[in-house]
Amino acid sequence: MFVAGTDTTSATLEWIMTELARHPN
């Protein structure tokens, strides 16, 4: 549960905020 959930969750948040920063609108 721990190994499967930590990296995938943090990576998803990281990419979402990356794309939002690239697309301010």
mmCIF file of all heavy atoms, coordinates in Angstrom:
data_MODEL
# 
_entry.id   MODEL 
# 
loop_
_atom_site.group_PDB 
_atom_site.id 
_atom_site.type_symbol 
_atom_site.label_atom_id 
_atom_site.label_alt_id 
_atom_site.label_comp_id 
_atom_site.label_asym_id 
_atom_site.label_entity_id 
_atom_site.label_seq_id 
_atom_site.pdbx_PDB_ins_code 
_atom_site.Cartn_x 
_atom_site.Cartn_y 
_atom_site.Cartn_z 
_atom_site.occupancy 
_atom_site.B_iso_or_equiv 
_atom_site.pdbx_formal_charge 
_atom_site.auth_seq_id 
_atom_site.auth_comp_id 
_atom_site.auth_asym_id 
_atom_site.auth_atom_id 
_atom_site.pdbx_PDB_model_num 
ATOM 1   N N   . MET A 1 1  ? 0.830  -1.201 0.000   1.00 0.00 ? 1  MET A N   1 
ATOM 2   C CA  . MET A 1 1  ? 0.000  0.000  0.000   1.00 0.00 ? 1  MET A CA  1 
ATOM 3   C C   . MET A 1 1  ? 0.867  1.256  0.000   1.00 0.00 ? 1  MET A C   1 
ATOM 4   O O   . MET A 1 1  ? 0.591  2.229  -0.711  1.00 0.00 ? 1  MET A O   1 
ATOM 5   C CB  . MET A 1 1  ? -0.920 0.015  1.236   1.00 0.00 ? 1  MET A CB  1 
ATOM 6   C CG  . MET A 1 1  ? -1.888 -1.145 1.351   1.00 0.00 ? 1  MET A CG  1 
ATOM 7   S SD  . MET A 1 1  ? -3.040 -1.274 -0.032  1.00 0.00 ? 1  MET A SD  1 
ATOM 8   C CE  . MET A 1 1  ? -2.328 -2.643 -0.932  1.00 0.00 ? 1  MET A CE  1 
ATOM 9   N N   . PHE A 1 2  ? 1.942  1.210  0.794   1.00 0.00 ? 2  PHE A N   1 
ATOM 10  C CA  . PHE A 1 2  ? 2.815  2.378  0.892   1.00 0.00 ? 2  PHE A CA  1 
ATOM 11  C C   . PHE A 1 2  ? 3.595  2.604  -0.397  1.00 0.00 ? 2  PHE A C   1 
ATOM 12  O O   . PHE A 1 2  ? 3.585  3.701  -0.964  1.00 0.00 ? 2  PHE A O   1 
ATOM 13  C CB  . PHE A 1 2  ? 3.783  2.222  2.068   1.00 0.00 ? 2  PHE A CB  1 
ATOM 14  C CG  . PHE A 1 2  ? 4.756  3.365  2.168   1.00 0.00 ? 2  PHE A CG  1 
ATOM 15  C CD1 . PHE A 1 2  ? 4.405  4.534  2.822   1.00 0.00 ? 2  PHE A CD1 1 
ATOM 16  C CD2 . PHE A 1 2  ? 6.009  3.276  1.586   1.00 0.00 ? 2  PHE A CD2 1 
ATOM 17  C CE1 . PHE A 1 2  ? 5.291  5.592  2.890   1.00 0.00 ? 2  PHE A CE1 1 
ATOM 18  C CE2 . PHE A 1 2  ? 6.910  4.333  1.653   1.00 0.00 ? 2  PHE A CE2 1 
ATOM 19  C CZ  . PHE A 1 2  ? 6.544  5.495  2.308   1.00 0.00 ? 2  PHE A CZ  1 
ATOM 20  N N   . VAL A 1 3  ? 4.280  1.579  -0.861  1.00 0.00 ? 3  VAL A N   1 
ATOM 21  C CA  . VAL A 1 3  ? 5.152  1.726  -2.033  1.00 0.00 ? 3  VAL A CA  1 
ATOM 22  C C   . VAL A 1 3  ? 4.339  2.095  -3.271  1.00 0.00 ? 3  VAL A C   1 
ATOM 23  O O   . VAL A 1 3  ? 4.749  2.944  -4.073  1.00 0.00 ? 3  VAL A O   1 
ATOM 24  C CB  . VAL A 1 3  ? 5.963  0.438  -2.274  1.00 0.00 ? 3  VAL A CB  1 
ATOM 25  C CG1 . VAL A 1 3  ? 6.721  0.507  -3.590  1.00 0.00 ? 3  VAL A CG1 1 
ATOM 26  C CG2 . VAL A 1 3  ? 6.935  0.211  -1.123  1.00 0.00 ? 3  VAL A CG2 1 
ATOM 27  N N   . ALA A 1 4  ? 3.172  1.467  -3.444  1.00 0.00 ? 4  ALA A N   1 
ATOM 28  C CA  . ALA A 1 4  ? 2.361  1.726  -4.630  1.00 0.00 ? 4  ALA A CA  1 
ATOM 29  C C   . ALA A 1 4  ? 1.727  3.108  -4.605  1.00 0.00 ? 4  ALA A C   1 
ATOM 30  O O   . ALA A 1 4  ? 1.428  3.668  -5.666  1.00 0.00 ? 4  ALA A O   1 
ATOM 31  C CB  . ALA A 1 4  ? 1.270  0.659  -4.761  1.00 0.00 ? 4  ALA A CB  1 
ATOM 32  N N   . GLY A 1 5  ? 1.536  3.667  -3.407  1.00 0.00 ? 5  GLY A N   1 
ATOM 33  C CA  . GLY A 1 5  ? 0.767  4.901  -3.319  1.00 0.00 ? 5  GLY A CA  1 
ATOM 34  C C   . GLY A 1 5  ? 1.555  6.180  -3.232  1.00 0.00 ? 5  GLY A C   1 
ATOM 35  O O   . GLY A 1 5  ? 1.064  7.235  -3.636  1.00 0.00 ? 5  GLY A O   1 
ATOM 36  N N   . THR A 1 6  ? 2.781  6.143  -2.716  1.00 0.00 ? 6  THR A N   1 
ATOM 37  C CA  . THR A 1 6  ? 3.476  7.398  -2.454  1.00 0.00 ? 6  THR A CA  1 
ATOM 38  C C   . THR A 1 6  ? 4.005  8.063  -3.716  1.00 0.00 ? 6  THR A C   1 
ATOM 39  O O   . THR A 1 6  ? 3.682  9.212  -4.019  1.00 0.00 ? 6  THR A O   1 
ATOM 40  C CB  . THR A 1 6  ? 4.638  7.177  -1.461  1.00 0.00 ? 6  THR A CB  1 
ATOM 41  O OG1 . THR A 1 6  ? 5.448  6.086  -1.922  1.00 0.00 ? 6  THR A OG1 1 
ATOM 42  C CG2 . THR A 1 6  ? 4.118  6.847  -0.090  1.00 0.00 ? 6  THR A CG2 1 
ATOM 43  N N   . ASP A 1 7  ? 4.814  7.357  -4.496  1.00 0.00 ? 7  ASP A N   1 
ATOM 44  C CA  . ASP A 1 7  ? 5.411  7.960  -5.686  1.00 0.00 ? 7  ASP A CA  1 
ATOM 45  C C   . ASP A 1 7  ? 4.355  8.337  -6.719  1.00 0.00 ? 7  ASP A C   1 
ATOM 46  O O   . ASP A 1 7  ? 4.459  9.381  -7.368  1.00 0.00 ? 7  ASP A O   1 
ATOM 47  C CB  . ASP A 1 7  ? 6.438  7.015  -6.310  1.00 0.00 ? 7  ASP A CB  1 
ATOM 48  C CG  . ASP A 1 7  ? 7.832  7.231  -5.745  1.00 0.00 ? 7  ASP A CG  1 
ATOM 49  O OD1 . ASP A 1 7  ? 7.923  7.829  -4.656  1.00 0.00 ? 7  ASP A OD1 1 
ATOM 50  O OD2 . ASP A 1 7  ? 8.814  6.819  -6.379  1.00 0.00 ? 7  ASP A OD2 1 
ATOM 51  N N   . THR A 1 8  ? 3.349  7.487  -6.912  1.00 0.00 ? 8  THR A N   1 
ATOM 52  C CA  . THR A 1 8  ? 2.331  7.783  -7.919  1.00 0.00 ? 8  THR A CA  1 
ATOM 53  C C   . THR A 1 8  ? 1.517  9.017  -7.542  1.00 0.00 ? 8  THR A C   1 
ATOM 54  O O   . THR A 1 8  ? 1.228  9.863  -8.387  1.00 0.00 ? 8  THR A O   1 
ATOM 55  C CB  . THR A 1 8  ? 1.392  6.585  -8.112  1.00 0.00 ? 8  THR A CB  1 
ATOM 56  O OG1 . THR A 1 8  ? 0.861  6.180  -6.848  1.00 0.00 ? 8  THR A OG1 1 
ATOM 57  C CG2 . THR A 1 8  ? 2.132  5.408  -8.735  1.00 0.00 ? 8  THR A CG2 1 
ATOM 58  N N   . THR A 1 9  ? 1.172  9.145  -6.256  1.00 0.00 ? 9  THR A N   1 
ATOM 59  C CA  . THR A 1 9  ? 0.402  10.305 -5.812  1.00 0.00 ? 9  THR A CA  1 
ATOM 60  C C   . THR A 1 9  ? 1.206  11.586 -5.934  1.00 0.00 ? 9  THR A C   1 
ATOM 61  O O   . THR A 1 9  ? 0.721  12.596 -6.464  1.00 0.00 ? 9  THR A O   1 
ATOM 62  C CB  . THR A 1 9  ? -0.052 10.106 -4.353  1.00 0.00 ? 9  THR A CB  1 
ATOM 63  O OG1 . THR A 1 9  ? -0.900 8.955  -4.269  1.00 0.00 ? 9  THR A OG1 1 
ATOM 64  C CG2 . THR A 1 9  ? -0.817 11.318 -3.844  1.00 0.00 ? 9  THR A CG2 1 
ATOM 65  N N   . SER A 1 10 ? 2.440  11.571 -5.448  1.00 0.00 ? 10 SER A N   1 
ATOM 66  C CA  . SER A 1 10 ? 3.256  12.790 -5.497  1.00 0.00 ? 10 SER A CA  1 
ATOM 67  C C   . SER A 1 10 ? 3.592  13.165 -6.937  1.00 0.00 ? 10 SER A C   1 
ATOM 68  O O   . SER A 1 10 ? 3.596  14.343 -7.298  1.00 0.00 ? 10 SER A O   1 
ATOM 69  C CB  . SER A 1 10 ? 4.529  12.615 -4.668  1.00 0.00 ? 10 SER A CB  1 
ATOM 70  O OG  . SER A 1 10 ? 5.334  11.562 -5.153  1.00 0.00 ? 10 SER A OG  1 
ATOM 71  N N   . ALA A 1 11 ? 3.879  12.162 -7.790  1.00 0.00 ? 11 ALA A N   1 
ATOM 72  C CA  . ALA A 1 11 ? 4.194  12.457 -9.189  1.00 0.00 ? 11 ALA A CA  1 
ATOM 73  C C   . ALA A 1 11 ? 2.989  13.060 -9.914  1.00 0.00 ? 11 ALA A C   1 
ATOM 74  O O   . ALA A 1 11 ? 3.139  13.981 -10.733 1.00 0.00 ? 11 ALA A O   1 
ATOM 75  C CB  . ALA A 1 11 ? 4.659  11.192 -9.902  1.00 0.00 ? 11 ALA A CB  1 
ATOM 76  N N   . THR A 1 12 ? 1.789  12.572 -9.613  1.00 0.00 ? 12 THR A N   1 
ATOM 77  C CA  . THR A 1 12 ? 0.586  13.123 -10.240 1.00 0.00 ? 12 THR A CA  1 
ATOM 78  C C   . THR A 1 12 ? 0.395  14.581 -9.864  1.00 0.00 ? 12 THR A C   1 
ATOM 79  O O   . THR A 1 12 ? 0.139  15.442 -10.723 1.00 0.00 ? 12 THR A O   1 
ATOM 80  C CB  . THR A 1 12 ? -0.645 12.298 -9.845  1.00 0.00 ? 12 THR A CB  1 
ATOM 81  O OG1 . THR A 1 12 ? -0.476 10.946 -10.283 1.00 0.00 ? 12 THR A OG1 1 
ATOM 82  C CG2 . THR A 1 12 ? -1.912 12.868 -10.462 1.00 0.00 ? 12 THR A CG2 1 
ATOM 83  N N   . LEU A 1 13 ? 0.533  14.907 -8.585  1.00 0.00 ? 13 LEU A N   1 
ATOM 84  C CA  . LEU A 1 13 ? 0.422  16.300 -8.150  1.00 0.00 ? 13 LEU A CA  1 
ATOM 85  C C   . LEU A 1 13 ? 1.502  17.164 -8.792  1.00 0.00 ? 13 LEU A C   1 
ATOM 86  O O   . LEU A 1 13 ? 1.241  18.304 -9.210  1.00 0.00 ? 13 LEU A O   1 
ATOM 87  C CB  . LEU A 1 13 ? 0.523  16.368 -6.625  1.00 0.00 ? 13 LEU A CB  1 
ATOM 88  C CG  . LEU A 1 13 ? -0.739 15.973 -5.854  1.00 0.00 ? 13 LEU A CG  1 
ATOM 89  C CD1 . LEU A 1 13 ? -0.415 15.749 -4.380  1.00 0.00 ? 13 LEU A CD1 1 
ATOM 90  C CD2 . LEU A 1 13 ? -1.816 17.053 -6.015  1.00 0.00 ? 13 LEU A CD2 1 
ATOM 91  N N   . GLU A 1 14 ? 2.702  16.628 -8.877  1.00 0.00 ? 14 GLU A N   1 
ATOM 92  C CA  . GLU A 1 14 ? 3.817  17.363 -9.464  1.00 0.00 ? 14 GLU A CA  1 
ATOM 93  C C   . GLU A 1 14 ? 3.537  17.721 -10.924 1.00 0.00 ? 14 GLU A C   1 
ATOM 94  O O   . GLU A 1 14 ? 3.751  18.873 -11.348 1.00 0.00 ? 14 GLU A O   1 
ATOM 95  C CB  . GLU A 1 14 ? 5.071  16.506 -9.360  1.00 0.00 ? 14 GLU A CB  1 
ATOM 96  C CG  . GLU A 1 14 ? 6.338  17.134 -9.895  1.00 0.00 ? 14 GLU A CG  1 
ATOM 97  C CD  . GLU A 1 14 ? 7.510  16.164 -9.782  1.00 0.00 ? 14 GLU A CD  1 
ATOM 98  O OE1 . GLU A 1 14 ? 7.384  15.001 -10.227 1.00 0.00 ? 14 GLU A OE1 1 
ATOM 99  O OE2 . GLU A 1 14 ? 8.551  16.572 -9.246  1.00 0.00 ? 14 GLU A OE2 1 
ATOM 100 N N   . TRP A 1 15 ? 3.043  16.760 -11.705 1.00 0.00 ? 15 TRP A N   1 
ATOM 101 C CA  . TRP A 1 15 ? 2.778  17.023 -13.113 1.00 0.00 ? 15 TRP A CA  1 
ATOM 102 C C   . TRP A 1 15 ? 1.572  17.940 -13.300 1.00 0.00 ? 15 TRP A C   1 
ATOM 103 O O   . TRP A 1 15 ? 1.552  18.770 -14.227 1.00 0.00 ? 15 TRP A O   1 
ATOM 104 C CB  . TRP A 1 15 ? 2.573  15.708 -13.864 1.00 0.00 ? 15 TRP A CB  1 
ATOM 105 C CG  . TRP A 1 15 ? 3.842  14.960 -14.120 1.00 0.00 ? 15 TRP A CG  1 
ATOM 106 C CD1 . TRP A 1 15 ? 4.201  13.746 -13.639 1.00 0.00 ? 15 TRP A CD1 1 
ATOM 107 C CD2 . TRP A 1 15 ? 4.942  15.394 -14.947 1.00 0.00 ? 15 TRP A CD2 1 
ATOM 108 N NE1 . TRP A 1 15 ? 5.449  13.389 -14.095 1.00 0.00 ? 15 TRP A NE1 1 
ATOM 109 C CE2 . TRP A 1 15 ? 5.931  14.376 -14.894 1.00 0.00 ? 15 TRP A CE2 1 
ATOM 110 C CE3 . TRP A 1 15 ? 5.187  16.544 -15.703 1.00 0.00 ? 15 TRP A CE3 1 
ATOM 111 C CZ2 . TRP A 1 15 ? 7.134  14.481 -15.587 1.00 0.00 ? 15 TRP A CZ2 1 
ATOM 112 C CZ3 . TRP A 1 15 ? 6.391  16.649 -16.384 1.00 0.00 ? 15 TRP A CZ3 1 
ATOM 113 C CH2 . TRP A 1 15 ? 7.347  15.633 -16.336 1.00 0.00 ? 15 TRP A CH2 1 
ATOM 114 N N   . ILE A 1 16 ? 0.560  17.823 -12.446 1.00 0.00 ? 16 ILE A N   1 
ATOM 115 C CA  . ILE A 1 16 ? -0.594 18.722 -12.559 1.00 0.00 ? 16 ILE A CA  1 
ATOM 116 C C   . ILE A 1 16 ? -0.156 20.168 -12.353 1.00 0.00 ? 16 ILE A C   1 
ATOM 117 O O   . ILE A 1 16 ? -0.471 21.058 -13.160 1.00 0.00 ? 16 ILE A O   1 
ATOM 118 C CB  . ILE A 1 16 ? -1.684 18.348 -11.540 1.00 0.00 ? 16 ILE A CB  1 
ATOM 119 C CG1 . ILE A 1 16 ? -2.320 16.995 -11.881 1.00 0.00 ? 16 ILE A CG1 1 
ATOM 120 C CG2 . ILE A 1 16 ? -2.774 19.425 -11.513 1.00 0.00 ? 16 ILE A CG2 1 
ATOM 121 C CD1 . ILE A 1 16 ? -3.258 16.471 -10.816 1.00 0.00 ? 16 ILE A CD1 1 
ATOM 122 N N   . MET A 1 17 ? 0.575  20.424 -11.277 1.00 0.00 ? 17 MET A N   1 
ATOM 123 C CA  . MET A 1 17 ? 1.011  21.798 -11.009 1.00 0.00 ? 17 MET A CA  1 
ATOM 124 C C   . MET A 1 17 ? 1.996  22.287 -12.069 1.00 0.00 ? 17 MET A C   1 
ATOM 125 O O   . MET A 1 17 ? 2.040  23.486 -12.391 1.00 0.00 ? 17 MET A O   1 
ATOM 126 C CB  . MET A 1 17 ? 1.621  21.896 -9.612  1.00 0.00 ? 17 MET A CB  1 
ATOM 127 C CG  . MET A 1 17 ? 0.612  21.844 -8.479  1.00 0.00 ? 17 MET A CG  1 
ATOM 128 S SD  . MET A 1 17 ? -0.599 23.209 -8.524  1.00 0.00 ? 17 MET A SD  1 
ATOM 129 C CE  . MET A 1 17 ? 0.428  24.603 -8.049  1.00 0.00 ? 17 MET A CE  1 
ATOM 130 N N   . THR A 1 18 ? 2.783  21.385 -12.627 1.00 0.00 ? 18 THR A N   1 
ATOM 131 C CA  . THR A 1 18 ? 3.684  21.770 -13.719 1.00 0.00 ? 18 THR A CA  1 
ATOM 132 C C   . THR A 1 18 ? 2.892  22.254 -14.921 1.00 0.00 ? 18 THR A C   1 
ATOM 133 O O   . THR A 1 18 ? 3.183  23.311 -15.509 1.00 0.00 ? 18 THR A O   1 
ATOM 134 C CB  . THR A 1 18 ? 4.570  20.576 -14.123 1.00 0.00 ? 18 THR A CB  1 
ATOM 135 O OG1 . THR A 1 18 ? 5.403  20.199 -13.017 1.00 0.00 ? 18 THR A OG1 1 
ATOM 136 C CG2 . THR A 1 18 ? 5.453  20.937 -15.310 1.00 0.00 ? 18 THR A CG2 1 
ATOM 137 N N   . GLU A 1 19 ? 1.880  21.495 -15.318 1.00 0.00 ? 19 GLU A N   1 
ATOM 138 C CA  . GLU A 1 19 ? 1.086  21.887 -16.481 1.00 0.00 ? 19 GLU A CA  1 
ATOM 139 C C   . GLU A 1 19 ? 0.266  23.149 -16.202 1.00 0.00 ? 19 GLU A C   1 
ATOM 140 O O   . GLU A 1 19 ? 0.094  23.993 -17.091 1.00 0.00 ? 19 GLU A O   1 
ATOM 141 C CB  . GLU A 1 19 ? 0.166  20.739 -16.909 1.00 0.00 ? 19 GLU A CB  1 
ATOM 142 C CG  . GLU A 1 19 ? 0.905  19.547 -17.525 1.00 0.00 ? 19 GLU A CG  1 
ATOM 143 C CD  . GLU A 1 19 ? 1.542  19.871 -18.877 1.00 0.00 ? 19 GLU A CD  1 
ATOM 144 O OE1 . GLU A 1 19 ? 1.414  21.027 -19.347 1.00 0.00 ? 19 GLU A OE1 1 
ATOM 145 O OE2 . GLU A 1 19 ? 2.149  18.964 -19.471 1.00 0.00 ? 19 GLU A OE2 1 
ATOM 146 N N   . LEU A 1 20 ? -0.232 23.299 -14.987 1.00 0.00 ? 20 LEU A N   1 
ATOM 147 C CA  . LEU A 1 20 ? -0.973 24.526 -14.659 1.00 0.00 ? 20 LEU A CA  1 
ATOM 148 C C   . LEU A 1 20 ? -0.055 25.744 -14.703 1.00 0.00 ? 20 LEU A C   1 
ATOM 149 O O   . LEU A 1 20 ? -0.457 26.824 -15.157 1.00 0.00 ? 20 LEU A O   1 
ATOM 150 C CB  . LEU A 1 20 ? -1.626 24.395 -13.284 1.00 0.00 ? 20 LEU A CB  1 
ATOM 151 C CG  . LEU A 1 20 ? -2.766 23.376 -13.170 1.00 0.00 ? 20 LEU A CG  1 
ATOM 152 C CD1 . LEU A 1 20 ? -3.302 23.322 -11.740 1.00 0.00 ? 20 LEU A CD1 1 
ATOM 153 C CD2 . LEU A 1 20 ? -3.899 23.695 -14.154 1.00 0.00 ? 20 LEU A CD2 1 
ATOM 154 N N   . ALA A 1 21 ? 1.185  25.594 -14.239 1.00 0.00 ? 21 ALA A N   1 
ATOM 155 C CA  . ALA A 1 21 ? 2.141  26.699 -14.288 1.00 0.00 ? 21 ALA A CA  1 
ATOM 156 C C   . ALA A 1 21 ? 2.475  27.060 -15.733 1.00 0.00 ? 21 ALA A C   1 
ATOM 157 O O   . ALA A 1 21 ? 2.735  28.233 -16.056 1.00 0.00 ? 21 ALA A O   1 
ATOM 158 C CB  . ALA A 1 21 ? 3.409  26.329 -13.529 1.00 0.00 ? 21 ALA A CB  1 
ATOM 159 N N   . ARG A 1 22 ? 2.457  26.066 -16.621 1.00 0.00 ? 22 ARG A N   1 
ATOM 160 C CA  . ARG A 1 22 ? 2.739  26.311 -18.037 1.00 0.00 ? 22 ARG A CA  1 
ATOM 161 C C   . ARG A 1 22 ? 1.522  26.882 -18.771 1.00 0.00 ? 22 ARG A C   1 
ATOM 162 O O   . ARG A 1 22 ? 1.662  27.412 -19.876 1.00 0.00 ? 22 ARG A O   1 
ATOM 163 C CB  . ARG A 1 22 ? 3.159  25.008 -18.718 1.00 0.00 ? 22 ARG A CB  1 
ATOM 164 C CG  . ARG A 1 22 ? 4.464  24.436 -18.216 1.00 0.00 ? 22 ARG A CG  1 
ATOM 165 C CD  . ARG A 1 22 ? 4.799  23.127 -18.916 1.00 0.00 ? 22 ARG A CD  1 
ATOM 166 N NE  . ARG A 1 22 ? 5.084  23.338 -20.336 1.00 0.00 ? 22 ARG A NE  1 
ATOM 167 C CZ  . ARG A 1 22 ? 4.436  22.753 -21.333 1.00 0.00 ? 22 ARG A CZ  1 
ATOM 168 N NH1 . ARG A 1 22 ? 3.429  21.916 -21.073 1.00 0.00 ? 22 ARG A NH1 1 
ATOM 169 N NH2 . ARG A 1 22 ? 4.773  22.982 -22.591 1.00 0.00 ? 22 ARG A NH2 1 
ATOM 170 N N   . HIS A 1 23 ? 0.343  26.760 -18.159 1.00 0.00 ? 23 HIS A N   1 
ATOM 171 C CA  . HIS A 1 23 ? -0.895 27.220 -18.805 1.00 0.00 ? 23 HIS A CA  1 
ATOM 172 C C   . HIS A 1 23 ? -1.687 28.074 -17.800 1.00 0.00 ? 23 HIS A C   1 
ATOM 173 O O   . HIS A 1 23 ? -2.681 27.600 -17.219 1.00 0.00 ? 23 HIS A O   1 
ATOM 174 C CB  . HIS A 1 23 ? -1.730 26.023 -19.279 1.00 0.00 ? 23 HIS A CB  1 
ATOM 175 C CG  . HIS A 1 23 ? -1.028 25.140 -20.256 1.00 0.00 ? 23 HIS A CG  1 
ATOM 176 N ND1 . HIS A 1 23 ? -0.210 24.091 -19.869 1.00 0.00 ? 23 HIS A ND1 1 
ATOM 177 C CD2 . HIS A 1 23 ? -0.994 25.169 -21.620 1.00 0.00 ? 23 HIS A CD2 1 
ATOM 178 C CE1 . HIS A 1 23 ? 0.282  23.510 -20.951 1.00 0.00 ? 23 HIS A CE1 1 
ATOM 179 N NE2 . HIS A 1 23 ? -0.176 24.137 -22.026 1.00 0.00 ? 23 HIS A NE2 1 
ATOM 180 N N   . PRO A 1 24 ? -1.262 29.318 -17.576 1.00 0.00 ? 24 PRO A N   1 
ATOM 181 C CA  . PRO A 1 24 ? -1.900 30.165 -16.553 1.00 0.00 ? 24 PRO A CA  1 
ATOM 182 C C   . PRO A 1 24 ? -3.398 30.357 -16.771 1.00 0.00 ? 24 PRO A C   1 
ATOM 183 O O   . PRO A 1 24 ? -4.151 30.497 -15.799 1.00 0.00 ? 24 PRO A O   1 
ATOM 184 C CB  . PRO A 1 24 ? -1.145 31.500 -16.692 1.00 0.00 ? 24 PRO A CB  1 
ATOM 185 C CG  . PRO A 1 24 ? 0.152  31.151 -17.348 1.00 0.00 ? 24 PRO A CG  1 
ATOM 186 C CD  . PRO A 1 24 ? -0.133 29.986 -18.245 1.00 0.00 ? 24 PRO A CD  1 
ATOM 187 N N   . ASN A 1 25 ? -3.848 30.357 -18.021 1.00 0.00 ? 25 ASN A N   1 
ATOM 188 C CA  . ASN A 1 25 ? -5.282 30.529 -18.273 1.00 0.00 ? 25 ASN A CA  1 
ATOM 189 C C   . ASN A 1 25 ? -6.083 29.347 -17.744 1.00 0.00 ? 25 ASN A C   1 
ATOM 190 O O   . ASN A 1 25 ? -7.189 29.508 -17.209 1.00 0.00 ? 25 ASN A O   1 
ATOM 191 C CB  . ASN A 1 25 ? -5.542 30.716 -19.772 1.00 0.00 ? 25 ASN A CB  1 
ATOM 192 C CG  . ASN A 1 25 ? -5.021 29.563 -20.608 1.00 0.00 ? 25 ASN A CG  1 
ATOM 193 O OD1 . ASN A 1 25 ? -3.986 28.971 -20.273 1.00 0.00 ? 25 ASN A OD1 1 
ATOM 194 N ND2 . ASN A 1 25 ? -5.705 29.220 -21.687 1.00 0.00 ? 25 ASN A ND2 1 
# 
